[in-house]
Amino acid sequence: MASEGLRALIARANNDKQFLRELLADPEGAVKAGGFELSAEEMEAVRSQYQGQLTDEQLENRVSKAWFRVGP
């Protein structure tokens, strides 16, 4: 089950394109700057989810799919 921090991160990523860009460029920095508290396992999932060069559309698609896996 996802933590409250991970749920909050996903919600922000779904609603804030600039934050999506920050996650793409520097996942660890974006998580830290956003004040999200994630476990080491969750941080690794975020790193792998946002690693590499994706278009905005591809990134939004990934975030949406991640949200459905985590759920409310």
PDB file of N, CA and C in Angstrom:
ATOM      1  N   MET A   1       0.841  -1.190   0.000  1.00  0.00           N
ATOM      2  CA  MET A   1       0.000   0.000   0.000  1.00  0.00           C
ATOM      3  C   MET A   1       0.879   1.245   0.000  1.00  0.00           C
ATOM      4  N   ALA A   2       0.504   2.201  -0.814  1.00  0.00           N
ATOM      5  CA  ALA A   2       1.269   3.439  -0.959  1.00  0.00           C
ATOM      6  C   ALA A   2       1.090   4.324   0.265  1.00  0.00           C
ATOM      7  N   SER A   3       2.147   5.035   0.584  1.00  0.00           N
ATOM      8  CA  SER A   3       2.092   5.968   1.704  1.00  0.00           C
ATOM      9  C   SER A   3       1.345   7.237   1.308  1.00  0.00           C
ATOM     10  N   GLU A   4       1.015   8.018   2.293  1.00  0.00           N
ATOM     11  CA  GLU A   4       0.370   9.306   2.051  1.00  0.00           C
ATOM     12  C   GLU A   4       1.285  10.205   1.224  1.00  0.00           C
ATOM     13  N   GLY A   5       2.591  10.132   1.476  1.00  0.00           N
ATOM     14  CA  GLY A   5       3.547  10.940   0.718  1.00  0.00           C
ATOM     15  C   GLY A   5       3.540  10.597  -0.762  1.00  0.00           C
ATOM     16  N   LEU A   6       3.508   9.320  -1.082  1.00  0.00           N
ATOM     17  CA  LEU A   6       3.486   8.898  -2.477  1.00  0.00           C
ATOM     18  C   LEU A   6       2.174   9.296  -3.134  1.00  0.00           C
ATOM     19  N   ARG A   7       1.083   9.153  -2.431  1.00  0.00           N
ATOM     20  CA  ARG A   7      -0.210   9.579  -2.988  1.00  0.00           C
ATOM     21  C   ARG A   7      -0.210  11.079  -3.282  1.00  0.00           C
ATOM     22  N   ALA A   8       0.353  11.857  -2.365  1.00  0.00           N
ATOM     23  CA  ALA A   8       0.408  13.307  -2.554  1.00  0.00           C
ATOM     24  C   ALA A   8       1.300  13.665  -3.745  1.00  0.00           C
ATOM     25  N   LEU A   9       2.426  12.976  -3.885  1.00  0.00           N
ATOM     26  CA  LEU A   9       3.331  13.216  -5.002  1.00  0.00           C
ATOM     27  C   LEU A   9       2.621  12.931  -6.326  1.00  0.00           C
ATOM     28  N   ILE A  10       1.929  11.829  -6.412  1.00  0.00           N
ATOM     29  CA  ILE A  10       1.225  11.456  -7.633  1.00  0.00           C
ATOM     30  C   ILE A  10       0.117  12.456  -7.951  1.00  0.00           C
ATOM     31  N   ALA A  11      -0.604  12.883  -6.937  1.00  0.00           N
ATOM     32  CA  ALA A  11      -1.663  13.869  -7.156  1.00  0.00           C
ATOM     33  C   ALA A  11      -1.075  15.167  -7.697  1.00  0.00           C
ATOM     34  N   ARG A  12       0.044  15.597  -7.121  1.00  0.00           N
ATOM     35  CA  ARG A  12       0.662  16.832  -7.610  1.00  0.00           C
ATOM     36  C   ARG A  12       1.163  16.654  -9.039  1.00  0.00           C
ATOM     37  N   ALA A  13       1.773  15.516  -9.328  1.00  0.00           N
ATOM     38  CA  ALA A  13       2.276  15.254 -10.678  1.00  0.00           C
ATOM     39  C   ALA A  13       1.128  15.242 -11.693  1.00  0.00           C
ATOM     40  N   ASN A  14      -0.022  14.768 -11.288  1.00  0.00           N
ATOM     41  CA  ASN A  14      -1.184  14.738 -12.181  1.00  0.00           C
ATOM     42  C   ASN A  14      -1.733  16.128 -12.461  1.00  0.00           C
ATOM     43  N   ASN A  15      -1.507  17.060 -11.552  1.00  0.00           N
ATOM     44  CA  ASN A  15      -2.116  18.386 -11.657  1.00  0.00           C
ATOM     45  C   ASN A  15      -1.146  19.513 -11.973  1.00  0.00           C
ATOM     46  N   ASP A  16       0.147  19.240 -12.005  1.00  0.00           N
ATOM     47  CA  ASP A  16       1.149  20.302 -12.123  1.00  0.00           C
ATOM     48  C   ASP A  16       2.203  19.892 -13.152  1.00  0.00           C
ATOM     49  N   LYS A  17       2.079  20.419 -14.380  1.00  0.00           N
ATOM     50  CA  LYS A  17       3.000  20.043 -15.455  1.00  0.00           C
ATOM     51  C   LYS A  17       4.442  20.447 -15.137  1.00  0.00           C
ATOM     52  N   GLN A  18       4.635  21.579 -14.486  1.00  0.00           N
ATOM     53  CA  GLN A  18       5.991  21.989 -14.125  1.00  0.00           C
ATOM     54  C   GLN A  18       6.607  20.968 -13.169  1.00  0.00           C
ATOM     55  N   PHE A  19       5.830  20.489 -12.245  1.00  0.00           N
ATOM     56  CA  PHE A  19       6.324  19.474 -11.317  1.00  0.00           C
ATOM     57  C   PHE A  19       6.676  18.187 -12.065  1.00  0.00           C
ATOM     58  N   LEU A  20       5.862  17.826 -13.069  1.00  0.00           N
ATOM     59  CA  LEU A  20       6.191  16.673 -13.911  1.00  0.00           C
ATOM     60  C   LEU A  20       7.553  16.855 -14.569  1.00  0.00           C
ATOM     61  N   ARG A  21       7.819  18.044 -15.074  1.00  0.00           N
ATOM     62  CA  ARG A  21       9.114  18.317 -15.709  1.00  0.00           C
ATOM     63  C   ARG A  21      10.245  18.185 -14.699  1.00  0.00           C
ATOM     64  N   GLU A  22      10.015  18.668 -13.490  1.00  0.00           N
ATOM     65  CA  GLU A  22      11.026  18.555 -12.441  1.00  0.00           C
ATOM     66  C   GLU A  22      11.280  17.095 -12.086  1.00  0.00           C
ATOM     67  N   LEU A  23      10.235  16.289 -12.020  1.00  0.00           N
ATOM     68  CA  LEU A  23      10.400  14.858 -11.756  1.00  0.00           C
ATOM     69  C   LEU A  23      11.215  14.193 -12.852  1.00  0.00           C
ATOM     70  N   LEU A  24      10.974  14.601 -14.083  1.00  0.00           N
ATOM     71  CA  LEU A  24      11.705  14.036 -15.208  1.00  0.00           C
ATOM     72  C   LEU A  24      13.184  14.418 -15.138  1.00  0.00           C
ATOM     73  N   ALA A  25      13.456  15.669 -14.854  1.00  0.00           N
ATOM     74  CA  ALA A  25      14.834  16.158 -14.821  1.00  0.00           C
ATOM     75  C   ALA A  25      15.598  15.669 -13.594  1.00  0.00           C
ATOM     76  N   ASP A  26      14.948  15.648 -12.447  1.00  0.00           N
ATOM     77  CA  ASP A  26      15.628  15.324 -11.185  1.00  0.00           C
ATOM     78  C   ASP A  26      14.618  14.783 -10.173  1.00  0.00           C
ATOM     79  N   PRO A  27      14.290  13.492 -10.264  1.00  0.00           N
ATOM     80  CA  PRO A  27      13.273  12.936  -9.365  1.00  0.00           C
ATOM     81  C   PRO A  27      13.582  13.160  -7.881  1.00  0.00           C
ATOM     82  N   GLU A  28      14.809  12.914  -7.478  1.00  0.00           N
ATOM     83  CA  GLU A  28      15.161  13.080  -6.061  1.00  0.00           C
ATOM     84  C   GLU A  28      15.035  14.530  -5.615  1.00  0.00           C
ATOM     85  N   GLY A  29      15.498  15.450  -6.468  1.00  0.00           N
ATOM     86  CA  GLY A  29      15.397  16.864  -6.136  1.00  0.00           C
ATOM     87  C   GLY A  29      13.959  17.335  -6.046  1.00  0.00           C
ATOM     88  N   ALA A  30      13.122  16.871  -6.963  1.00  0.00           N
ATOM     89  CA  ALA A  30      11.714  17.264  -6.957  1.00  0.00           C
ATOM     90  C   ALA A  30      10.995  16.737  -5.720  1.00  0.00           C
ATOM     91  N   VAL A  31      11.301  15.511  -5.353  1.00  0.00           N
ATOM     92  CA  VAL A  31      10.688  14.920  -4.157  1.00  0.00           C
ATOM     93  C   VAL A  31      11.111  15.698  -2.920  1.00  0.00           C
ATOM     94  N   LYS A  32      12.398  15.981  -2.823  1.00  0.00           N
ATOM     95  CA  LYS A  32      12.917  16.720  -1.662  1.00  0.00           C
ATOM     96  C   LYS A  32      12.346  18.134  -1.610  1.00  0.00           C
ATOM     97  N   ALA A  33      12.387  18.850  -2.757  1.00  0.00           N
ATOM     98  CA  ALA A  33      11.880  20.223  -2.801  1.00  0.00           C
ATOM     99  C   ALA A  33      10.392  20.284  -2.480  1.00  0.00           C
ATOM    100  N   GLY A  34       9.659  19.227  -2.879  1.00  0.00           N
ATOM    101  CA  GLY A  34       8.226  19.185  -2.612  1.00  0.00           C
ATOM    102  C   GLY A  34       7.880  18.792  -1.186  1.00  0.00           C
ATOM    103  N   GLY A  35       8.889  18.362  -0.434  1.00  0.00           N
ATOM    104  CA  GLY A  35       8.654  17.988   0.962  1.00  0.00           C
ATOM    105  C   GLY A  35       7.932  16.660   1.127  1.00  0.00           C
ATOM    106  N   PHE A  36       8.013  15.795   0.112  1.00  0.00           N
ATOM    107  CA  PHE A  36       7.340  14.505   0.177  1.00  0.00           C
ATOM    108  C   PHE A  36       8.186  13.520   0.973  1.00  0.00           C
ATOM    109  N   GLU A  37       7.563  12.804   1.874  1.00  0.00           N
ATOM    110  CA  GLU A  37       8.254  11.790   2.665  1.00  0.00           C
ATOM    111  C   GLU A  37       7.959  10.422   2.062  1.00  0.00           C
ATOM    112  N   LEU A  38       9.004   9.820   1.467  1.00  0.00           N
ATOM    113  CA  LEU A  38       8.862   8.528   0.823  1.00  0.00           C
ATOM    114  C   LEU A  38       9.837   7.532   1.433  1.00  0.00           C
ATOM    115  N   SER A  39       9.435   6.279   1.450  1.00  0.00           N
ATOM    116  CA  SER A  39      10.350   5.222   1.877  1.00  0.00           C
ATOM    117  C   SER A  39      11.398   5.034   0.785  1.00  0.00           C
ATOM    118  N   ALA A  40      12.469   4.325   1.108  1.00  0.00           N
ATOM    119  CA  ALA A  40      13.512   4.042   0.118  1.00  0.00           C
ATOM    120  C   ALA A  40      12.920   3.279  -1.067  1.00  0.00           C
ATOM    121  N   GLU A  41      12.031   2.366  -0.792  1.00  0.00           N
ATOM    122  CA  GLU A  41      11.376   1.578  -1.841  1.00  0.00           C
ATOM    123  C   GLU A  41      10.520   2.468  -2.745  1.00  0.00           C
ATOM    124  N   GLU A  42       9.770   3.379  -2.150  1.00  0.00           N
ATOM    125  CA  GLU A  42       8.944   4.297  -2.936  1.00  0.00           C
ATOM    126  C   GLU A  42       9.813   5.234  -3.769  1.00  0.00           C
ATOM    127  N   MET A  43      10.922   5.709  -3.184  1.00  0.00           N
ATOM    128  CA  MET A  43      11.820   6.588  -3.926  1.00  0.00           C
ATOM    129  C   MET A  43      12.404   5.866  -5.122  1.00  0.00           C
ATOM    130  N   GLU A  44      12.746   4.604  -4.973  1.00  0.00           N
ATOM    131  CA  GLU A  44      13.262   3.822  -6.091  1.00  0.00           C
ATOM    132  C   GLU A  44      12.194   3.679  -7.179  1.00  0.00           C
ATOM    133  N   ALA A  45      10.959   3.494  -6.777  1.00  0.00           N
ATOM    134  CA  ALA A  45       9.860   3.406  -7.748  1.00  0.00           C
ATOM    135  C   ALA A  45       9.699   4.725  -8.490  1.00  0.00           C
ATOM    136  N   VAL A  46       9.815   5.829  -7.794  1.00  0.00           N
ATOM    137  CA  VAL A  46       9.717   7.150  -8.425  1.00  0.00           C
ATOM    138  C   VAL A  46      10.869   7.330  -9.406  1.00  0.00           C
ATOM    139  N   ARG A  47      12.081   6.981  -8.980  1.00  0.00           N
ATOM    140  CA  ARG A  47      13.243   7.090  -9.868  1.00  0.00           C
ATOM    141  C   ARG A  47      13.026   6.306 -11.155  1.00  0.00           C
ATOM    142  N   SER A  48      12.573   5.070 -11.025  1.00  0.00           N
ATOM    143  CA  SER A  48      12.398   4.233 -12.210  1.00  0.00           C
ATOM    144  C   SER A  48      11.222   4.710 -13.063  1.00  0.00           C
ATOM    145  N   GLN A  49      10.211   5.258 -12.437  1.00  0.00           N
ATOM    146  CA  GLN A  49       9.028   5.744 -13.162  1.00  0.00           C
ATOM    147  C   GLN A  49       9.353   6.965 -14.007  1.00  0.00           C
ATOM    148  N   TYR A  50      10.228   7.846 -13.522  1.00  0.00           N
ATOM    149  CA  TYR A  50      10.467   9.125 -14.177  1.00  0.00           C
ATOM    150  C   TYR A  50      11.834   9.213 -14.835  1.00  0.00           C
ATOM    151  N   GLN A  51      12.544   8.107 -14.922  1.00  0.00           N
ATOM    152  CA  GLN A  51      13.874   8.106 -15.502  1.00  0.00           C
ATOM    153  C   GLN A  51      13.798   8.145 -17.025  1.00  0.00           C
ATOM    154  N   GLY A  52      14.731   8.835 -17.658  1.00  0.00           N
ATOM    155  CA  GLY A  52      14.785   8.872 -19.113  1.00  0.00           C
ATOM    156  C   GLY A  52      14.057  10.063 -19.679  1.00  0.00           C
ATOM    157  N   GLN A  53      14.184  10.243 -20.970  1.00  0.00           N
ATOM    158  CA  GLN A  53      13.573  11.374 -21.654  1.00  0.00           C
ATOM    159  C   GLN A  53      12.209  10.973 -22.205  1.00  0.00           C
ATOM    160  N   LEU A  54      11.182  11.589 -21.687  1.00  0.00           N
ATOM    161  CA  LEU A  54       9.821  11.329 -22.157  1.00  0.00           C
ATOM    162  C   LEU A  54       9.192  12.637 -22.602  1.00  0.00           C
ATOM    163  N   THR A  55       8.287  12.555 -23.549  1.00  0.00           N
ATOM    164  CA  THR A  55       7.508  13.724 -23.918  1.00  0.00           C
ATOM    165  C   THR A  55       6.509  14.003 -22.801  1.00  0.00           C
ATOM    166  N   ASP A  56       5.947  15.204 -22.788  1.00  0.00           N
ATOM    167  CA  ASP A  56       4.937  15.532 -21.782  1.00  0.00           C
ATOM    168  C   ASP A  56       3.788  14.533 -21.823  1.00  0.00           C
ATOM    169  N   GLU A  57       3.364  14.176 -23.032  1.00  0.00           N
ATOM    170  CA  GLU A  57       2.245  13.239 -23.171  1.00  0.00           C
ATOM    171  C   GLU A  57       2.607  11.867 -22.596  1.00  0.00           C
ATOM    172  N   GLN A  58       3.802  11.381 -22.893  1.00  0.00           N
ATOM    173  CA  GLN A  58       4.230  10.084 -22.363  1.00  0.00           C
ATOM    174  C   GLN A  58       4.326  10.139 -20.839  1.00  0.00           C
ATOM    175  N   LEU A  59       4.868  11.235 -20.331  1.00  0.00           N
ATOM    176  CA  LEU A  59       5.008  11.373 -18.884  1.00  0.00           C
ATOM    177  C   LEU A  59       3.646  11.419 -18.206  1.00  0.00           C
ATOM    178  N   GLU A  60       2.718  12.186 -18.763  1.00  0.00           N
ATOM    179  CA  GLU A  60       1.376  12.253 -18.183  1.00  0.00           C
ATOM    180  C   GLU A  60       0.700  10.887 -18.209  1.00  0.00           C
ATOM    181  N   ASN A  61       0.897  10.144 -19.279  1.00  0.00           N
ATOM    182  CA  ASN A  61       0.337   8.803 -19.383  1.00  0.00           C
ATOM    183  C   ASN A  61       0.902   7.901 -18.286  1.00  0.00           C
ATOM    184  N   ARG A  62       2.207   7.977 -18.063  1.00  0.00           N
ATOM    185  CA  ARG A  62       2.828   7.165 -17.011  1.00  0.00           C
ATOM    186  C   ARG A  62       2.293   7.535 -15.636  1.00  0.00           C
ATOM    187  N   VAL A  63       2.182   8.839 -15.384  1.00  0.00           N
ATOM    188  CA  VAL A  63       1.686   9.281 -14.078  1.00  0.00           C
ATOM    189  C   VAL A  63       0.258   8.811 -13.868  1.00  0.00           C
ATOM    190  N   SER A  64      -0.570   8.911 -14.900  1.00  0.00           N
ATOM    191  CA  SER A  64      -1.956   8.455 -14.784  1.00  0.00           C
ATOM    192  C   SER A  64      -2.018   6.967 -14.491  1.00  0.00           C
ATOM    193  N   LYS A  65      -1.193   6.179 -15.171  1.00  0.00           N
ATOM    194  CA  LYS A  65      -1.165   4.747 -14.921  1.00  0.00           C
ATOM    195  C   LYS A  65      -0.662   4.451 -13.521  1.00  0.00           C
ATOM    196  N   ALA A  66       0.332   5.203 -13.069  1.00  0.00           N
ATOM    197  CA  ALA A  66       0.860   5.007 -11.717  1.00  0.00           C
ATOM    198  C   ALA A  66      -0.233   5.296 -10.687  1.00  0.00           C
ATOM    199  N   TRP A  67      -1.024   6.318 -10.940  1.00  0.00           N
ATOM    200  CA  TRP A  67      -2.101   6.668 -10.015  1.00  0.00           C
ATOM    201  C   TRP A  67      -3.090   5.521  -9.871  1.00  0.00           C
ATOM    202  N   PHE A  68      -3.444   4.907 -10.978  1.00  0.00           N
ATOM    203  CA  PHE A  68      -4.414   3.807 -10.909  1.00  0.00           C
ATOM    204  C   PHE A  68      -3.823   2.597 -10.184  1.00  0.00           C
ATOM    205  N   ARG A  69      -2.512   2.399 -10.264  1.00  0.00           N
ATOM    206  CA  ARG A  69      -1.890   1.286  -9.529  1.00  0.00           C
ATOM    207  C   ARG A  69      -1.907   1.573  -8.031  1.00  0.00           C
ATOM    208  N   VAL A  70      -1.698   2.839  -7.660  1.00  0.00           N
ATOM    209  CA  VAL A  70      -1.632   3.202  -6.249  1.00  0.00           C
ATOM    210  C   VAL A  70      -3.031   3.333  -5.673  1.00  0.00           C
ATOM    211  N   GLY A  71      -3.875   4.027  -6.389  1.00  0.00           N
ATOM    212  CA  GLY A  71      -5.255   4.229  -5.946  1.00  0.00           C
ATOM    213  C   GLY A  71      -5.359   5.251  -4.855  1.00  0.00           C
ATOM    214  N   PRO A  72      -6.570   5.689  -4.562  1.00  0.00           N
ATOM    215  CA  PRO A  72      -6.779   6.706  -3.516  1.00  0.00           C
ATOM    216  C   PRO A  72      -6.625   6.122  -2.136  1.00  0.00           C
TER     217      PRO A  72
END
